[in-house]
Amino acid sequence: MQEDYDVYCYDIDIEIDEGPETVAGSVVMRATSTIDGLDTVILNLHDNMTVDSVAHNGAVTDTD
């Protein structure tokens, strides 16, 4: 499925807190669909990463 879109930009904003040793941030991914009717985007993350929301064109979407 990852071949169904072409990512052309990642805008990454990271905040590092040395006290509790945490990293927080946001990523804006800009991509172009390579197929008609794209309805799924797969995000590959490490097991220790938590996603608290995903938005598409400014609207929060389902992350299941």
N, C-alpha and C. Protein backbone atom coordinates (compact mmCIF):
# COMPACT_ATOMS: atom_id res chain seq x y z
N MET A 1 0.80 -1.20 0.00
CA MET A 1 0.00 0.00 0.00
C MET A 1 0.85 1.27 0.00
N GLN A 2 2.06 1.22 0.53
CA GLN A 2 2.87 2.44 0.58
C GLN A 2 3.30 2.89 -0.81
N GLU A 3 3.19 2.02 -1.79
CA GLU A 3 3.49 2.44 -3.16
C GLU A 3 2.31 3.19 -3.78
N ASP A 4 1.20 3.30 -3.06
CA ASP A 4 0.00 3.99 -3.56
C ASP A 4 0.08 5.50 -3.39
N TYR A 5 1.13 5.99 -2.74
CA TYR A 5 1.30 7.44 -2.60
C TYR A 5 2.79 7.77 -2.61
N ASP A 6 3.08 8.99 -3.03
CA ASP A 6 4.46 9.46 -3.15
C ASP A 6 4.64 10.64 -2.20
N VAL A 7 5.41 10.45 -1.13
CA VAL A 7 5.66 11.53 -0.17
C VAL A 7 6.72 12.46 -0.74
N TYR A 8 6.41 13.75 -0.75
CA TYR A 8 7.36 14.72 -1.27
C TYR A 8 7.84 15.72 -0.22
N CYS A 9 7.28 15.66 1.00
CA CYS A 9 7.73 16.58 2.04
C CYS A 9 7.34 16.07 3.43
N TYR A 10 8.27 16.16 4.36
CA TYR A 10 7.99 15.94 5.79
C TYR A 10 8.38 17.22 6.52
N ASP A 11 7.45 17.82 7.24
CA ASP A 11 7.73 19.00 8.07
C ASP A 11 7.70 18.51 9.52
N ILE A 12 8.87 18.44 10.15
CA ILE A 12 9.01 17.83 11.48
C ILE A 12 9.29 18.90 12.53
N ASP A 13 8.50 18.88 13.61
CA ASP A 13 8.68 19.80 14.74
C ASP A 13 8.86 18.94 15.99
N ILE A 14 10.05 18.99 16.60
CA ILE A 14 10.38 18.11 17.73
C ILE A 14 10.70 18.93 18.97
N GLU A 15 10.23 18.44 20.11
CA GLU A 15 10.54 19.04 21.42
C GLU A 15 11.15 17.96 22.30
N ILE A 16 12.37 18.19 22.77
CA ILE A 16 13.07 17.23 23.62
C ILE A 16 13.08 17.75 25.05
N ASP A 17 12.63 16.91 25.99
CA ASP A 17 12.64 17.27 27.41
C ASP A 17 13.63 16.34 28.10
N GLU A 18 14.76 16.88 28.51
CA GLU A 18 15.81 16.06 29.11
C GLU A 18 15.47 15.57 30.51
N GLY A 19 14.56 16.27 31.21
CA GLY A 19 14.18 15.87 32.57
C GLY A 19 13.62 14.46 32.60
N PRO A 20 12.44 14.26 32.05
CA PRO A 20 11.89 12.89 32.03
C PRO A 20 12.33 12.09 30.81
N GLU A 21 13.29 12.62 30.04
CA GLU A 21 13.80 11.96 28.84
C GLU A 21 12.68 11.58 27.88
N THR A 22 11.93 12.59 27.45
CA THR A 22 10.85 12.37 26.50
C THR A 22 11.07 13.22 25.25
N VAL A 23 10.49 12.75 24.18
CA VAL A 23 10.50 13.48 22.92
C VAL A 23 9.05 13.59 22.47
N ALA A 24 8.63 14.80 22.11
CA ALA A 24 7.28 15.02 21.60
C ALA A 24 7.40 15.83 20.32
N GLY A 25 6.39 15.78 19.53
CA GLY A 25 6.46 16.58 18.32
C GLY A 25 5.32 16.30 17.38
N SER A 26 5.45 16.89 16.21
CA SER A 26 4.44 16.68 15.17
C SER A 26 5.13 16.57 13.82
N VAL A 27 4.45 15.90 12.92
CA VAL A 27 4.95 15.73 11.56
C VAL A 27 3.81 16.04 10.60
N VAL A 28 4.10 16.91 9.64
CA VAL A 28 3.17 17.12 8.54
C VAL A 28 3.76 16.42 7.33
N MET A 29 3.02 15.44 6.81
CA MET A 29 3.47 14.70 5.65
C MET A 29 2.66 15.17 4.45
N ARG A 30 3.34 15.54 3.40
CA ARG A 30 2.67 15.95 2.17
C ARG A 30 2.98 14.88 1.11
N ALA A 31 1.91 14.41 0.47
CA ALA A 31 2.07 13.32 -0.49
C ALA A 31 1.07 13.47 -1.62
N THR A 32 1.38 12.79 -2.71
CA THR A 32 0.49 12.73 -3.86
C THR A 32 0.09 11.28 -4.07
N SER A 33 -1.19 11.05 -4.26
CA SER A 33 -1.68 9.71 -4.52
C SER A 33 -1.23 9.26 -5.91
N THR A 34 -0.82 8.00 -6.00
CA THR A 34 -0.44 7.43 -7.30
C THR A 34 -1.56 6.56 -7.87
N ILE A 35 -2.68 6.48 -7.12
CA ILE A 35 -3.83 5.70 -7.57
C ILE A 35 -5.10 6.53 -7.37
N ASP A 36 -6.17 6.15 -8.05
CA ASP A 36 -7.47 6.77 -7.81
C ASP A 36 -8.10 6.15 -6.57
N GLY A 37 -8.75 6.95 -5.75
CA GLY A 37 -9.49 6.43 -4.61
C GLY A 37 -8.64 6.03 -3.42
N LEU A 38 -7.48 6.64 -3.23
CA LEU A 38 -6.64 6.31 -2.07
C LEU A 38 -7.44 6.54 -0.78
N ASP A 39 -7.52 5.52 0.07
CA ASP A 39 -8.26 5.66 1.33
C ASP A 39 -7.48 5.19 2.54
N THR A 40 -6.22 4.75 2.35
CA THR A 40 -5.42 4.27 3.47
C THR A 40 -3.98 4.73 3.31
N VAL A 41 -3.41 5.23 4.42
CA VAL A 41 -2.00 5.59 4.48
C VAL A 41 -1.40 4.84 5.65
N ILE A 42 -0.29 4.15 5.43
CA ILE A 42 0.35 3.37 6.48
C ILE A 42 1.51 4.17 7.05
N LEU A 43 1.55 4.28 8.39
CA LEU A 43 2.63 4.95 9.10
C LEU A 43 3.43 3.89 9.86
N ASN A 44 4.69 3.75 9.55
CA ASN A 44 5.56 2.79 10.24
C ASN A 44 6.27 3.50 11.38
N LEU A 45 5.99 3.08 12.61
CA LEU A 45 6.58 3.69 13.80
C LEU A 45 7.26 2.64 14.65
N HIS A 46 8.17 3.06 15.50
CA HIS A 46 8.77 2.16 16.48
C HIS A 46 7.73 1.83 17.54
N ASP A 47 7.89 0.68 18.19
CA ASP A 47 6.93 0.23 19.20
C ASP A 47 6.79 1.21 20.37
N ASN A 48 7.83 1.99 20.65
CA ASN A 48 7.77 2.89 21.80
C ASN A 48 7.19 4.26 21.44
N MET A 49 6.67 4.43 20.24
CA MET A 49 6.07 5.70 19.83
C MET A 49 4.56 5.63 19.97
N THR A 50 3.97 6.74 20.40
CA THR A 50 2.53 6.84 20.58
C THR A 50 1.99 7.93 19.66
N VAL A 51 0.94 7.63 18.94
CA VAL A 51 0.26 8.61 18.10
C VAL A 51 -1.01 9.00 18.82
N ASP A 52 -1.18 10.30 19.10
CA ASP A 52 -2.40 10.71 19.79
C ASP A 52 -3.45 11.29 18.84
N SER A 53 -3.07 11.60 17.61
CA SER A 53 -4.07 12.03 16.63
C SER A 53 -3.47 12.03 15.23
N VAL A 54 -4.35 11.90 14.26
CA VAL A 54 -3.99 12.00 12.85
C VAL A 54 -5.04 12.88 12.20
N ALA A 55 -4.60 13.82 11.38
CA ALA A 55 -5.55 14.71 10.71
C ALA A 55 -5.32 14.66 9.20
N HIS A 56 -6.40 14.83 8.47
CA HIS A 56 -6.34 14.90 7.00
C HIS A 56 -7.04 16.18 6.58
N ASN A 57 -6.28 17.07 5.95
CA ASN A 57 -6.80 18.39 5.56
C ASN A 57 -7.40 19.13 6.75
N GLY A 58 -6.78 18.99 7.93
CA GLY A 58 -7.19 19.71 9.12
C GLY A 58 -8.23 19.01 9.97
N ALA A 59 -8.83 17.92 9.49
CA ALA A 59 -9.85 17.20 10.25
C ALA A 59 -9.25 15.93 10.85
N VAL A 60 -9.44 15.72 12.15
CA VAL A 60 -8.94 14.52 12.82
C VAL A 60 -9.65 13.30 12.25
N THR A 61 -8.87 12.25 11.96
CA THR A 61 -9.40 11.03 11.35
C THR A 61 -9.22 9.83 12.26
N ASP A 62 -9.83 8.73 11.89
CA ASP A 62 -9.74 7.48 12.62
C ASP A 62 -8.34 6.90 12.45
N THR A 63 -7.72 6.41 13.53
CA THR A 63 -6.35 5.87 13.47
C THR A 63 -6.31 4.36 13.52
N ASP A 64 -7.45 3.69 13.42
CA ASP A 64 -7.46 2.22 13.47
C ASP A 64 -7.06 1.62 12.16
